[in-house]
Protein backbone atom coordinates (compact mmCIF):
# COMPACT_ATOMS: atom_id res chain seq x y z
CA MET A 1 46.83 5.61 -65.25
CA LYS A 2 48.29 7.10 -62.07
CA PHE A 3 50.57 10.14 -61.79
CA SER A 4 53.18 10.51 -59.11
CA PHE A 5 53.19 13.45 -56.79
CA GLY A 6 56.59 14.73 -58.25
CA LEU A 7 55.31 15.14 -61.81
CA LYS A 8 52.26 17.11 -60.72
CA ARG A 9 54.39 19.42 -58.69
CA LEU A 10 56.78 19.91 -61.61
CA ALA A 11 53.89 20.84 -63.92
CA MET A 12 52.63 23.41 -61.44
CA THR A 13 56.13 24.91 -61.13
CA SER A 14 56.48 25.22 -64.93
CA GLY A 15 53.14 27.02 -65.19
CA VAL A 16 54.13 29.48 -62.52
CA LEU A 17 57.42 30.23 -64.29
CA VAL A 18 55.69 30.90 -67.63
CA CYS A 19 53.31 33.38 -65.94
CA ALA A 20 56.22 35.02 -64.22
CA MET A 21 58.05 35.38 -67.54
CA GLY A 22 55.11 37.20 -69.12
CA THR A 23 54.69 39.43 -66.11
CA GLY A 24 58.36 40.41 -66.16
CA TYR A 25 58.13 41.39 -69.78
CA LEU A 26 55.11 43.59 -69.12
CA MET A 27 56.75 45.32 -66.21
CA GLN A 28 59.92 45.92 -68.18
CA ASN A 29 58.13 47.68 -71.02
CA VAL A 30 55.71 49.67 -68.89
CA LEU A 31 57.94 50.76 -66.03
CA VAL A 32 61.19 51.15 -68.06
CA GLY A 33 59.45 52.65 -71.14
CA GLY A 34 60.06 50.03 -73.81
CA LYS A 35 58.89 50.16 -77.39
CA GLY A 36 55.54 48.64 -76.61
CA GLN A 37 54.39 51.75 -74.71
CA SER A 38 51.06 53.32 -75.83
CA LYS A 39 50.13 56.94 -76.00
CA SER A 40 48.38 56.79 -72.67
CA GLY A 41 51.52 55.54 -70.99
CA ILE A 42 50.23 52.01 -70.59
CA ALA A 43 52.57 49.35 -72.00
CA VAL A 44 51.06 46.75 -74.33
CA ALA A 45 52.85 43.40 -74.62
CA THR A 46 52.68 41.76 -78.05
CA VAL A 47 53.27 38.06 -78.31
CA THR A 48 54.68 37.41 -81.81
CA SER A 49 56.46 34.12 -81.66
CA SER A 50 57.27 31.23 -79.48
CA ALA A 51 60.57 29.57 -79.14
CA TYR A 52 59.05 26.81 -77.03
CA PRO A 53 56.64 24.12 -77.92
CA VAL A 54 53.02 24.56 -76.72
CA VAL A 55 51.05 21.49 -75.91
CA ALA A 56 47.38 21.73 -76.85
CA ALA A 57 44.97 20.17 -74.35
CA THR A 58 42.30 18.08 -75.91
CA LYS A 59 39.06 16.76 -74.40
CA ARG A 60 39.22 13.28 -72.95
CA ASP A 61 36.96 11.15 -70.92
CA ILE A 62 36.91 11.78 -67.21
CA GLY A 63 38.94 9.25 -65.37
CA GLU A 64 41.77 9.24 -68.02
CA PRO A 65 44.18 12.03 -66.96
CA THR A 66 46.24 13.71 -69.69
CA GLU A 67 49.93 14.45 -69.25
CA PHE A 68 50.38 18.17 -69.88
CA LEU A 69 54.14 18.52 -69.27
CA PRO A 70 56.66 19.03 -72.11
CA GLU A 71 59.32 16.43 -72.63
CA SER A 72 61.97 18.69 -71.11
CA THR A 73 61.62 21.55 -68.67
CA GLU A 74 65.11 22.94 -69.15
CA PRO A 75 64.23 25.56 -71.89
CA VAL A 76 61.39 26.83 -69.72
CA LEU A 77 63.66 27.32 -66.73
CA GLU A 78 66.35 28.96 -68.88
CA ARG A 79 63.83 31.38 -70.39
CA ALA A 80 62.52 32.29 -66.98
CA ASN A 81 66.05 33.14 -65.84
CA GLN A 82 66.60 35.34 -68.88
CA VAL A 83 63.39 37.29 -68.27
CA SER A 84 64.29 37.87 -64.66
CA ASP A 85 67.77 39.16 -65.76
CA GLY A 86 66.48 41.53 -68.39
CA GLY A 87 66.53 38.92 -71.21
CA SER A 88 67.34 39.28 -74.92
CA SER A 89 65.08 40.65 -77.62
CA ALA A 90 64.24 37.15 -78.76
CA THR A 91 62.33 36.61 -75.58
CA LYS A 92 60.24 39.77 -75.84
CA ASP A 93 58.08 38.69 -78.78
CA MET A 94 56.07 35.51 -78.31
CA HIS A 95 52.98 34.43 -80.26
CA VAL A 96 50.65 31.72 -78.93
CA GLU A 97 48.25 30.10 -81.36
CA ASP A 98 45.75 27.24 -81.50
CA VAL A 99 45.02 27.12 -77.76
CA VAL A 100 41.95 25.00 -76.98
CA LEU A 101 40.17 25.69 -73.71
CA THR A 102 38.97 22.69 -71.74
CA SER A 103 36.80 22.16 -68.66
CA ALA A 104 36.90 19.43 -66.07
CA LEU A 105 33.12 19.63 -65.52
CA PRO A 106 30.99 16.89 -67.12
CA SER A 107 28.85 17.83 -70.09
CA ALA A 108 25.03 17.97 -69.94
CA PRO A 109 23.24 14.80 -71.01
CA VAL A 110 22.03 14.65 -74.57
CA ALA A 111 18.26 14.83 -74.97
CA ALA A 112 16.63 11.57 -75.84
CA SER A 113 15.79 11.26 -79.52
CA GLU A 114 12.91 8.84 -78.93
CA THR A 115 9.46 10.42 -78.53
CA ILE A 116 7.18 8.96 -75.89
CA THR A 117 3.51 8.97 -76.80
CA LEU A 118 0.97 9.17 -73.96
CA PRO A 119 -2.26 7.17 -74.22
CA SER A 120 -4.98 9.06 -76.12
CA GLY A 121 -7.97 7.69 -74.16
CA PRO A 122 -9.86 9.76 -71.55
CA VAL A 123 -8.42 9.98 -68.08
CA LYS A 124 -10.77 8.64 -65.43
CA GLY A 125 -10.58 9.69 -61.81
CA ILE A 126 -10.94 7.00 -59.19
CA ALA A 127 -12.40 7.98 -55.84
CA SER A 128 -11.98 5.80 -52.79
CA THR A 129 -15.15 4.41 -51.30
CA ASP A 130 -15.75 3.39 -47.71
CA VAL A 131 -16.14 -0.31 -47.33
CA PRO A 132 -18.70 -1.06 -44.59
CA LEU A 133 -17.18 -2.81 -41.66
CA SER A 134 -18.62 -6.10 -40.68
CA ASP A 135 -19.98 -6.54 -37.17
CA LEU A 136 -17.20 -6.77 -34.65
CA PRO A 137 -17.09 -9.99 -32.69
CA VAL A 138 -18.84 -9.76 -29.35
CA GLU A 139 -16.68 -10.58 -26.38
CA GLU A 140 -17.91 -13.70 -24.75
CA LYS A 141 -18.34 -13.70 -21.03
CA ALA A 142 -16.08 -15.96 -19.10
CA PRO A 143 -17.91 -19.06 -17.99
CA THR A 144 -18.99 -18.98 -14.40
CA PHE A 145 -20.25 -21.64 -12.10
CA ALA A 146 -23.80 -20.68 -11.19
CA CYS A 147 -24.61 -20.89 -7.52
CA GLU A 148 -28.24 -21.84 -7.20
CA ILE A 149 -29.65 -20.87 -3.80
CA GLU A 150 -33.26 -21.68 -3.07
CA LEU A 151 -35.36 -20.85 -0.01
CA ASN A 152 -38.78 -22.47 0.43
CA ALA A 153 -41.40 -21.35 2.96
CA GLU A 154 -44.62 -23.13 3.86
CA PRO A 155 -47.18 -22.48 6.61
CA GLY A 156 -46.94 -24.70 9.69
CA ASP A 157 -48.91 -25.23 12.88
CA ALA A 158 -49.47 -22.57 15.56
CA GLY A 159 -48.59 -19.62 13.35
CA MET A 160 -45.19 -21.04 12.36
CA ALA A 161 -43.43 -21.01 8.96
CA VAL A 162 -41.51 -24.09 7.88
CA LEU A 163 -38.35 -22.99 6.02
CA ALA A 164 -35.96 -25.05 3.89
CA LEU A 165 -32.76 -23.55 2.48
CA GLU A 166 -30.85 -25.31 -0.29
CA ALA A 167 -27.43 -23.95 -1.31
CA GLY A 168 -25.23 -26.68 -2.76
CA CYS A 169 -22.36 -24.24 -3.37
CA MET A 170 -22.57 -22.87 0.19
CA THR A 171 -21.77 -25.87 2.32
CA ASN A 172 -21.06 -25.22 6.01
CA GLU A 173 -21.62 -21.53 5.39
CA ARG A 174 -23.06 -18.99 7.80
CA PHE A 175 -26.00 -16.84 6.78
CA THR A 176 -28.51 -14.42 8.33
CA LEU A 177 -32.26 -14.95 8.20
CA HIS A 178 -34.33 -11.73 8.10
CA HIS A 179 -38.05 -11.58 8.89
CA SER A 180 -40.04 -8.48 9.92
CA GLY A 181 -37.12 -6.98 11.85
CA MET A 182 -36.11 -10.23 13.50
CA MET A 183 -32.62 -11.50 12.58
CA ILE A 184 -31.09 -14.85 13.45
CA SER A 185 -27.88 -16.58 12.33
CA GLY A 186 -27.85 -20.01 10.75
CA VAL A 187 -25.32 -22.41 9.20
CA THR A 188 -25.81 -24.81 6.30
CA ASP A 189 -24.71 -28.40 6.68
CA LYS A 190 -22.17 -30.32 4.60
CA ASN A 191 -24.74 -30.59 1.80
CA GLY A 192 -25.66 -26.89 1.88
CA LEU A 193 -29.02 -27.51 3.58
CA TRP A 194 -30.76 -25.84 6.52
CA GLN A 195 -34.27 -26.37 7.87
CA ALA A 196 -36.22 -24.82 10.74
CA SER A 197 -39.67 -23.81 11.96
CA VAL A 198 -39.67 -20.06 12.55
CA PRO A 199 -42.40 -18.12 14.40
CA ALA A 200 -44.04 -15.80 11.89
CA LEU A 201 -44.52 -12.14 12.78
CA ALA A 202 -46.71 -11.22 9.79
CA GLU A 203 -49.56 -12.95 8.04
CA ASN A 204 -47.94 -12.34 4.67
CA ALA A 205 -44.57 -13.59 5.88
CA LEU A 206 -41.46 -12.69 3.89
CA PHE A 207 -38.12 -14.39 4.66
CA ILE A 208 -34.65 -13.51 3.32
CA ALA A 209 -31.55 -15.71 3.65
CA ALA A 210 -28.39 -13.64 3.05
CA PHE A 211 -24.82 -14.97 2.89
CA SER A 212 -21.77 -12.87 3.62
CA ASN A 213 -20.68 -12.81 -0.04
CA GLY A 214 -23.90 -11.08 -1.08
CA GLU A 215 -25.63 -14.19 -2.39
CA GLY A 216 -29.00 -15.15 -1.00
CA ALA A 217 -32.58 -16.17 -1.60
CA VAL A 218 -36.09 -14.94 -0.79
CA ALA A 219 -39.29 -16.79 0.03
CA ASN A 220 -42.74 -15.87 1.27
CA THR A 221 -45.80 -17.67 2.51
CA THR A 222 -49.21 -16.86 4.00
CA ILE A 223 -49.78 -17.73 7.66
CA SER A 224 -53.56 -17.85 7.76
CA ASP A 225 -53.93 -18.75 11.47
CA LEU A 226 -51.54 -16.10 12.78
CA ASN A 227 -54.39 -13.99 14.16
CA GLY A 228 -55.01 -16.62 16.84
CA TYR A 229 -51.60 -16.22 18.49
CA ASP A 230 -49.62 -13.65 20.42
CA ARG A 231 -45.84 -13.54 20.62
CA TYR A 232 -43.09 -12.08 22.69
CA VAL A 233 -39.60 -11.94 21.10
CA VAL A 234 -36.21 -10.93 22.49
CA GLN A 235 -33.11 -10.86 20.27
CA TRP A 236 -29.46 -9.97 20.85
CA LYS A 237 -25.97 -10.46 19.51
CA GLY A 238 -23.01 -12.27 20.99
CA ASP A 239 -22.49 -14.68 23.87
CA THR A 240 -24.81 -12.98 26.35
CA ASP A 241 -27.17 -15.50 27.93
CA ILE A 242 -30.68 -13.98 27.80
CA GLN A 243 -33.71 -16.04 28.79
CA ILE A 244 -37.48 -15.51 28.63
CA HIS A 245 -39.48 -16.68 31.63
CA ALA A 246 -43.25 -16.73 31.05
CA PHE A 247 -45.60 -17.30 33.99
CA GLU A 248 -49.00 -18.42 32.77
CA ASN A 249 -52.14 -17.89 34.94
CA GLY A 250 -50.20 -16.69 37.97
CA ALA A 251 -47.65 -19.52 38.02
CA SER A 252 -44.30 -19.08 39.79
CA TYR A 253 -40.91 -20.70 39.37
CA ALA A 254 -41.05 -24.47 38.89
CA ASP A 255 -44.85 -24.45 38.59
CA ALA A 256 -46.62 -26.11 35.66
CA GLY A 257 -47.34 -22.74 34.07
CA HIS A 258 -43.68 -21.63 34.21
CA VAL A 259 -42.46 -21.68 30.62
CA TRP A 260 -38.75 -21.30 29.91
CA ARG A 261 -36.04 -23.25 28.11
CA GLY A 262 -35.48 -25.60 31.06
CA SER A 263 -39.13 -26.58 31.57
CA GLY A 264 -38.70 -30.18 30.37
CA ASP A 265 -41.18 -32.49 28.68
CA ASP A 266 -43.45 -32.98 31.67
CA ALA A 267 -43.95 -29.26 32.12
CA ALA A 268 -44.49 -28.81 28.40
CA SER A 269 -47.45 -31.14 28.48
CA THR A 270 -49.26 -28.90 30.96
CA GLN A 271 -48.26 -25.48 29.66
CA ILE A 272 -50.28 -23.66 27.12
CA GLY A 273 -47.64 -21.54 25.40
CA PHE A 274 -44.32 -22.74 23.99
CA LEU A 275 -40.81 -21.41 23.55
CA THR A 276 -38.60 -21.34 20.42
CA ARG A 277 -34.90 -20.54 20.73
CA PHE A 278 -32.23 -19.80 18.10
CA ASP A 279 -28.91 -19.81 19.94
CA ASP A 280 -26.10 -21.64 18.19
CA LYS A 281 -23.19 -21.57 20.64
CA ASP A 282 -20.72 -22.43 17.89
CA LEU A 283 -21.31 -19.10 16.13
CA ALA A 284 -19.12 -16.34 17.52
CA GLU A 285 -20.97 -13.03 17.63
CA GLY A 286 -24.04 -14.78 16.27
CA LEU A 287 -27.48 -13.19 16.08
CA ARG A 288 -29.65 -14.99 18.62
CA ALA A 289 -33.35 -14.89 19.50
CA GLU A 290 -35.90 -16.46 21.83
CA ILE A 291 -39.65 -16.37 21.12
CA TYR A 292 -42.55 -17.19 23.42
CA THR A 293 -45.81 -18.07 21.63
CA PHE A 294 -49.18 -18.54 23.25
CA PRO A 295 -52.76 -18.88 21.91
CA SER A 296 -55.02 -15.90 22.27
CA GLY A 297 -58.06 -16.29 24.54
CA GLN A 298 -56.87 -19.42 26.32
CA ILE A 299 -54.87 -17.80 29.10
CA GLY A 300 -56.19 -15.20 31.47
CA LYS A 301 -52.90 -13.45 32.26
CA VAL A 302 -49.21 -13.92 31.43
CA GLU A 303 -46.31 -12.27 33.20
CA ILE A 304 -43.02 -12.01 31.29
CA ASN A 305 -39.60 -11.72 32.91
CA ILE A 306 -36.23 -11.41 31.19
CA GLU A 307 -33.23 -12.91 32.95
CA LEU A 308 -29.55 -12.42 32.07
CA GLN A 309 -26.73 -14.40 33.61
CA VAL A 310 -23.71 -12.32 34.54
CA GLY A 311 -20.59 -13.62 32.81
CA ASP A 312 -16.95 -12.67 32.51
CA ALA A 313 -17.60 -11.10 29.11
CA THR A 314 -20.69 -9.16 30.17
CA CYS A 315 -20.00 -8.07 33.77
CA ASN A 316 -19.80 -4.32 34.25
CA GLU A 317 -20.88 -3.85 30.61
CA ASP A 318 -23.99 -2.60 28.85
CA VAL A 319 -25.88 -5.27 26.94
CA GLU A 320 -28.01 -4.29 23.98
CA ALA A 321 -31.10 -6.24 23.00
CA GLN A 322 -34.40 -5.75 21.21
CA ALA A 323 -37.89 -6.88 22.09
CA PHE A 324 -40.99 -7.42 19.93
CA ILE A 325 -44.59 -7.81 21.02
CA MET A 326 -46.96 -9.25 18.42
CA SER A 327 -50.64 -9.14 19.34
CA GLY A 328 -52.38 -11.12 16.65
CA ALA A 329 -51.67 -10.48 13.00
CA GLU A 330 -52.54 -6.80 13.12
CA HIS A 331 -50.11 -5.41 15.67
CA LEU A 332 -46.31 -5.65 16.00
CA GLU A 333 -44.37 -3.41 18.35
CA ALA A 334 -40.58 -3.28 18.74
CA ARG A 335 -38.57 -1.80 21.62
CA ASP A 336 -34.84 -1.39 22.07
CA LEU A 337 -33.29 -2.46 25.38
CA MET A 338 -30.08 -1.21 27.04
CA ILE A 339 -29.27 -3.31 30.10
CA ALA A 340 -26.53 -2.27 32.54
CA MET A 341 -24.89 -5.42 33.93
CA PRO A 342 -23.55 -5.68 37.52
CA ASP A 343 -19.81 -5.58 38.27
CA CYS A 344 -17.67 -8.68 37.91
CA GLY A 345 -18.15 -9.66 41.56
CA ALA A 346 -21.57 -10.97 40.52
CA VAL A 347 -20.34 -13.42 37.85
CA GLY A 348 -22.60 -16.49 37.75
CA GLU A 349 -25.63 -14.72 39.17
CA PHE A 350 -28.77 -13.70 37.26
CA LEU A 351 -30.13 -10.25 36.59
CA VAL A 352 -33.96 -10.38 36.57
CA LEU A 353 -35.93 -7.73 34.74
CA LYS A 354 -39.55 -7.79 35.91
CA ASN A 355 -42.46 -5.96 34.37
CA LEU A 356 -40.22 -4.75 31.58
CA TYR A 357 -43.39 -4.40 29.54
CA GLU A 358 -46.92 -4.10 30.71
CA ASP A 359 -48.49 -7.42 31.47
CA LEU A 360 -49.99 -8.94 28.41
CA THR A 361 -53.72 -9.46 28.58
CA ILE A 362 -54.28 -12.57 26.56
CA ALA A 363 -58.03 -12.88 26.80
CA ARG A 364 -59.62 -10.82 24.04
CA ASN A 365 -63.39 -10.58 23.76
């Protein structure tokens, strides 16, 4: 049920008027000195009767409002006017009975009548236990394509080592061959192969083929006849044209004992020593070398000259090179060379370095 705002306001107004009526009565007897005055001078109001109906409030369920207003509010208003005007004696004695106090707060819940019985068995504590972890899966390595590089070395004639490089995954790739301080550049073919005869500089000859990506291979072989040969090596880097000219037994230019890279087949048949050259012109800044080999005890005296052709790239520059002298299998000596080239007006000409080292005495008793 819903109440309108007007009825609620009217009920509040009636309550205020009733309180005001009682207050007026008290003030009239205390301040004016009515018959309800006590010995101490404090007036006591006695409520003896009621000329108005009193509505007793009874307890109801929350959510069902009770209408507290009397059927008519006119007697209440009239009585309030009389009290404010002094009123008659009939309004001075009022007795209120059978008033029941109520509260809008909800009541406490009633205790449950049913008794709950707990289990009578012993209480057992449960402790957690660590469950052993199984072995974690091992991370598998990503599959890689293995690059098998193999270098084989076998002894050859005249103190040479026959090398064979196989690198199927390194086709047309440049590499550096290392051996006892000598370094030369090489290139594999379309099948990843490279072969060459290399002058050995040690009886127990070790060779290393190294590619630019860090891959490589190692091989070694024993050169048992190396003690019967002597060698002169010159190595350099870049496009400088360096040549070895060996003059056997006092020969001069164009004689049968003049050994150099332009000797030709006829001269080679009469010369005693031989020349090996590693100079791939297709390799920019390649490591190049030229080696002169001759048998010990078969030549009385050999004179060695080094010749450099002056070019546009080398004129007026310093050329660095390195020379090795191997006397049998027991002795290997290396020397660094710094060659000052002529100015560029001499392009095309040759710079001849004579007696750069002491003459080699080949005959050994």
